[in-house]
Amino acid sequence: MEILWTYQEERKVMIMPQVIEGKEYLTQKEAMEFLGVSDKTFYKNYKDVLDEYTDPTDKRVILYKKADLLALKQPRHRPKD
């Protein structure tokens, strides 16, 4: 498991993914911090494109796969006209 660091408003934030059945997951708040977006931006742009998972220890907690979040952070190559 890798500890993720992200910089938010000139502060360093540690994000520690949960490992469930060998896959790493972030909570909704951690996902927003990891992507560097506000809650409004997250709900508007990302919530519908990410698969949600329920934390097996607390059914109220929504989790997102770290791999899916990493894919969203990758630069997208657009074909040149």
N, C-alpha and C. Protein backbone atom coordinates (compact mmCIF):
# COMPACT_ATOMS: atom_id res chain seq x y z
N MET A 1 0.85 -1.18 0.00
CA MET A 1 0.00 0.00 0.00
C MET A 1 0.89 1.23 0.00
N GLU A 2 0.54 2.15 -0.83
CA GLU A 2 1.30 3.40 -0.97
C GLU A 2 0.51 4.54 -0.34
N ILE A 3 1.21 5.33 0.47
CA ILE A 3 0.58 6.52 1.03
C ILE A 3 0.66 7.61 -0.02
N LEU A 4 -0.46 8.23 -0.29
CA LEU A 4 -0.52 9.28 -1.31
C LEU A 4 -0.43 10.64 -0.64
N TRP A 5 0.30 11.54 -1.27
CA TRP A 5 0.39 12.91 -0.78
C TRP A 5 -0.15 13.82 -1.85
N THR A 6 -0.91 14.79 -1.44
CA THR A 6 -1.43 15.77 -2.38
C THR A 6 -1.31 17.14 -1.74
N TYR A 7 -1.20 18.16 -2.54
CA TYR A 7 -1.07 19.51 -2.02
C TYR A 7 -2.36 20.27 -2.25
N GLN A 8 -2.95 20.74 -1.19
CA GLN A 8 -4.19 21.49 -1.24
C GLN A 8 -3.97 22.84 -0.60
N GLU A 9 -4.17 23.88 -1.34
CA GLU A 9 -4.07 25.24 -0.82
C GLU A 9 -2.80 25.42 0.01
N GLU A 10 -1.68 24.98 -0.57
CA GLU A 10 -0.36 25.10 0.04
C GLU A 10 -0.23 24.32 1.35
N ARG A 11 -0.98 23.25 1.48
CA ARG A 11 -0.80 22.37 2.62
C ARG A 11 -0.69 20.95 2.10
N LYS A 12 0.10 20.16 2.77
CA LYS A 12 0.32 18.79 2.34
C LYS A 12 -0.70 17.90 3.06
N VAL A 13 -1.42 17.08 2.29
CA VAL A 13 -2.46 16.23 2.84
C VAL A 13 -2.07 14.78 2.59
N MET A 14 -2.09 13.97 3.65
CA MET A 14 -1.79 12.55 3.51
C MET A 14 -3.09 11.79 3.27
N ILE A 15 -3.06 10.95 2.27
CA ILE A 15 -4.22 10.11 1.95
C ILE A 15 -3.77 8.66 2.06
N MET A 16 -4.43 7.92 2.92
CA MET A 16 -4.05 6.52 3.12
C MET A 16 -5.19 5.62 2.65
N PRO A 17 -5.01 4.98 1.51
CA PRO A 17 -6.08 4.14 0.96
C PRO A 17 -6.38 2.94 1.86
N GLN A 18 -7.63 2.50 1.83
CA GLN A 18 -8.02 1.25 2.49
C GLN A 18 -7.80 0.12 1.50
N VAL A 19 -7.30 -0.99 1.98
CA VAL A 19 -7.11 -2.15 1.11
C VAL A 19 -8.20 -3.16 1.44
N ILE A 20 -9.00 -3.48 0.43
CA ILE A 20 -10.08 -4.45 0.57
C ILE A 20 -9.91 -5.47 -0.55
N GLU A 21 -9.70 -6.71 -0.17
CA GLU A 21 -9.50 -7.80 -1.13
C GLU A 21 -8.42 -7.46 -2.16
N GLY A 22 -7.34 -6.86 -1.69
CA GLY A 22 -6.19 -6.56 -2.53
C GLY A 22 -6.30 -5.31 -3.38
N LYS A 23 -7.41 -4.59 -3.30
CA LYS A 23 -7.57 -3.36 -4.08
C LYS A 23 -7.64 -2.17 -3.14
N GLU A 24 -7.09 -1.05 -3.60
CA GLU A 24 -7.04 0.15 -2.77
C GLU A 24 -8.22 1.06 -3.08
N TYR A 25 -8.82 1.58 -2.01
CA TYR A 25 -9.98 2.45 -2.11
C TYR A 25 -9.77 3.72 -1.30
N LEU A 26 -10.37 4.80 -1.76
CA LEU A 26 -10.36 6.06 -1.04
C LEU A 26 -11.80 6.44 -0.68
N THR A 27 -11.95 7.12 0.45
CA THR A 27 -13.26 7.63 0.81
C THR A 27 -13.60 8.79 -0.12
N GLN A 28 -14.84 9.23 -0.06
CA GLN A 28 -15.27 10.33 -0.92
C GLN A 28 -14.46 11.60 -0.64
N LYS A 29 -14.24 11.91 0.62
CA LYS A 29 -13.46 13.10 0.98
C LYS A 29 -12.01 12.96 0.49
N GLU A 30 -11.42 11.79 0.67
CA GLU A 30 -10.06 11.56 0.19
C GLU A 30 -9.99 11.66 -1.32
N ALA A 31 -11.01 11.17 -2.01
CA ALA A 31 -11.05 11.24 -3.48
C ALA A 31 -11.06 12.70 -3.94
N MET A 32 -11.84 13.54 -3.27
CA MET A 32 -11.88 14.96 -3.63
C MET A 32 -10.53 15.62 -3.39
N GLU A 33 -9.89 15.29 -2.26
CA GLU A 33 -8.56 15.84 -1.98
C GLU A 33 -7.54 15.34 -2.98
N PHE A 34 -7.61 14.06 -3.33
CA PHE A 34 -6.68 13.47 -4.28
C PHE A 34 -6.80 14.13 -5.66
N LEU A 35 -8.03 14.38 -6.08
CA LEU A 35 -8.25 15.02 -7.38
C LEU A 35 -8.02 16.53 -7.32
N GLY A 36 -7.99 17.07 -6.11
CA GLY A 36 -7.74 18.51 -5.95
C GLY A 36 -8.94 19.35 -6.35
N VAL A 37 -10.14 18.85 -6.06
CA VAL A 37 -11.35 19.56 -6.44
C VAL A 37 -12.25 19.78 -5.22
N SER A 38 -13.13 20.75 -5.34
CA SER A 38 -14.10 21.03 -4.29
C SER A 38 -15.22 20.00 -4.35
N ASP A 39 -16.05 20.00 -3.32
CA ASP A 39 -17.16 19.06 -3.32
C ASP A 39 -18.13 19.36 -4.46
N LYS A 40 -18.36 20.64 -4.77
CA LYS A 40 -19.25 20.98 -5.90
C LYS A 40 -18.71 20.44 -7.21
N THR A 41 -17.42 20.66 -7.46
CA THR A 41 -16.79 20.19 -8.70
C THR A 41 -16.81 18.67 -8.77
N PHE A 42 -16.57 18.02 -7.65
CA PHE A 42 -16.59 16.56 -7.62
C PHE A 42 -17.97 16.04 -8.00
N TYR A 43 -19.01 16.58 -7.39
CA TYR A 43 -20.37 16.12 -7.69
C TYR A 43 -20.76 16.42 -9.13
N LYS A 44 -20.33 17.57 -9.63
CA LYS A 44 -20.70 17.97 -10.98
C LYS A 44 -19.96 17.16 -12.06
N ASN A 45 -18.66 16.95 -11.88
CA ASN A 45 -17.83 16.39 -12.95
C ASN A 45 -17.41 14.93 -12.78
N TYR A 46 -17.33 14.46 -11.55
CA TYR A 46 -16.73 13.15 -11.34
C TYR A 46 -17.67 12.09 -10.78
N LYS A 47 -18.62 12.48 -9.98
CA LYS A 47 -19.43 11.50 -9.27
C LYS A 47 -20.14 10.53 -10.22
N ASP A 48 -20.64 11.02 -11.32
CA ASP A 48 -21.38 10.15 -12.26
C ASP A 48 -20.48 9.24 -13.09
N VAL A 49 -19.19 9.56 -13.19
CA VAL A 49 -18.31 8.73 -14.01
C VAL A 49 -17.54 7.70 -13.19
N LEU A 50 -17.58 7.81 -11.88
CA LEU A 50 -16.87 6.87 -11.01
C LEU A 50 -17.83 5.83 -10.44
N ASP A 51 -17.35 4.60 -10.38
CA ASP A 51 -18.13 3.55 -9.73
C ASP A 51 -17.99 3.72 -8.22
N GLU A 52 -19.11 3.59 -7.51
CA GLU A 52 -19.11 3.72 -6.05
C GLU A 52 -19.15 2.34 -5.42
N TYR A 53 -18.44 2.21 -4.30
CA TYR A 53 -18.41 0.97 -3.54
C TYR A 53 -18.75 1.29 -2.10
N THR A 54 -19.37 0.36 -1.43
CA THR A 54 -19.73 0.56 -0.03
C THR A 54 -18.67 -0.06 0.85
N ASP A 55 -18.27 0.68 1.87
CA ASP A 55 -17.31 0.18 2.85
C ASP A 55 -17.94 -1.00 3.58
N PRO A 56 -17.29 -2.17 3.58
CA PRO A 56 -17.90 -3.33 4.25
C PRO A 56 -18.01 -3.17 5.77
N THR A 57 -17.23 -2.27 6.35
CA THR A 57 -17.30 -2.07 7.80
C THR A 57 -18.29 -1.00 8.20
N ASP A 58 -18.68 -0.13 7.25
CA ASP A 58 -19.63 0.94 7.55
C ASP A 58 -20.41 1.25 6.27
N LYS A 59 -21.62 0.80 6.20
CA LYS A 59 -22.43 0.92 4.98
C LYS A 59 -22.73 2.36 4.58
N ARG A 60 -22.49 3.31 5.48
CA ARG A 60 -22.74 4.73 5.16
C ARG A 60 -21.60 5.37 4.39
N VAL A 61 -20.45 4.70 4.35
CA VAL A 61 -19.24 5.27 3.72
C VAL A 61 -19.14 4.82 2.27
N ILE A 62 -18.97 5.80 1.38
CA ILE A 62 -18.80 5.53 -0.05
C ILE A 62 -17.30 5.51 -0.36
N LEU A 63 -16.89 4.51 -1.11
CA LEU A 63 -15.49 4.37 -1.49
C LEU A 63 -15.35 4.41 -3.01
N TYR A 64 -14.16 4.82 -3.46
CA TYR A 64 -13.82 4.84 -4.88
C TYR A 64 -12.48 4.14 -5.06
N LYS A 65 -12.34 3.38 -6.15
CA LYS A 65 -11.08 2.68 -6.41
C LYS A 65 -9.99 3.70 -6.72
N LYS A 66 -8.84 3.48 -6.11
CA LYS A 66 -7.69 4.34 -6.35
C LYS A 66 -7.30 4.30 -7.83
N ALA A 67 -7.37 3.13 -8.45
CA ALA A 67 -6.99 3.00 -9.86
C ALA A 67 -7.88 3.86 -10.76
N ASP A 68 -9.17 3.94 -10.43
CA ASP A 68 -10.09 4.77 -11.22
C ASP A 68 -9.74 6.25 -11.06
N LEU A 69 -9.38 6.65 -9.85
CA LEU A 69 -9.01 8.04 -9.61
C LEU A 69 -7.70 8.39 -10.31
N LEU A 70 -6.75 7.46 -10.28
CA LEU A 70 -5.48 7.69 -10.99
C LEU A 70 -5.72 7.86 -12.49
N ALA A 71 -6.63 7.08 -13.04
CA ALA A 71 -6.94 7.18 -14.47
C ALA A 71 -7.50 8.55 -14.81
N LEU A 72 -8.30 9.11 -13.92
CA LEU A 72 -8.86 10.45 -14.16
C LEU A 72 -7.79 11.54 -14.10
N LYS A 73 -6.72 11.29 -13.35
CA LYS A 73 -5.66 12.30 -13.23
C LYS A 73 -4.68 12.27 -14.40
N GLN A 74 -4.71 11.19 -15.18
CA GLN A 74 -3.80 11.07 -16.31
C GLN A 74 -4.17 12.08 -17.39
N PRO A 75 -3.16 12.70 -18.01
CA PRO A 75 -3.48 13.62 -19.10
C PRO A 75 -4.08 12.86 -20.28
N ARG A 76 -5.06 13.46 -20.87
CA ARG A 76 -5.73 12.84 -22.02
C ARG A 76 -5.12 13.39 -23.29
N HIS A 77 -4.79 12.49 -24.18
CA HIS A 77 -4.22 12.91 -25.46
C HIS A 77 -5.35 13.07 -26.46
N ARG A 78 -5.46 14.23 -27.00
CA ARG A 78 -6.48 14.49 -28.01
C ARG A 78 -5.85 14.46 -29.39
N PRO A 79 -6.51 13.85 -30.32
CA PRO A 79 -5.95 13.83 -31.68
C PRO A 79 -5.89 15.24 -32.25
N LYS A 80 -4.83 15.50 -32.98
CA LYS A 80 -4.69 16.82 -33.61
C LYS A 80 -5.59 16.89 -34.83
N ASP A 81 -6.12 18.07 -35.06
CA ASP A 81 -7.01 18.27 -36.23
C ASP A 81 -6.25 18.17 -37.53
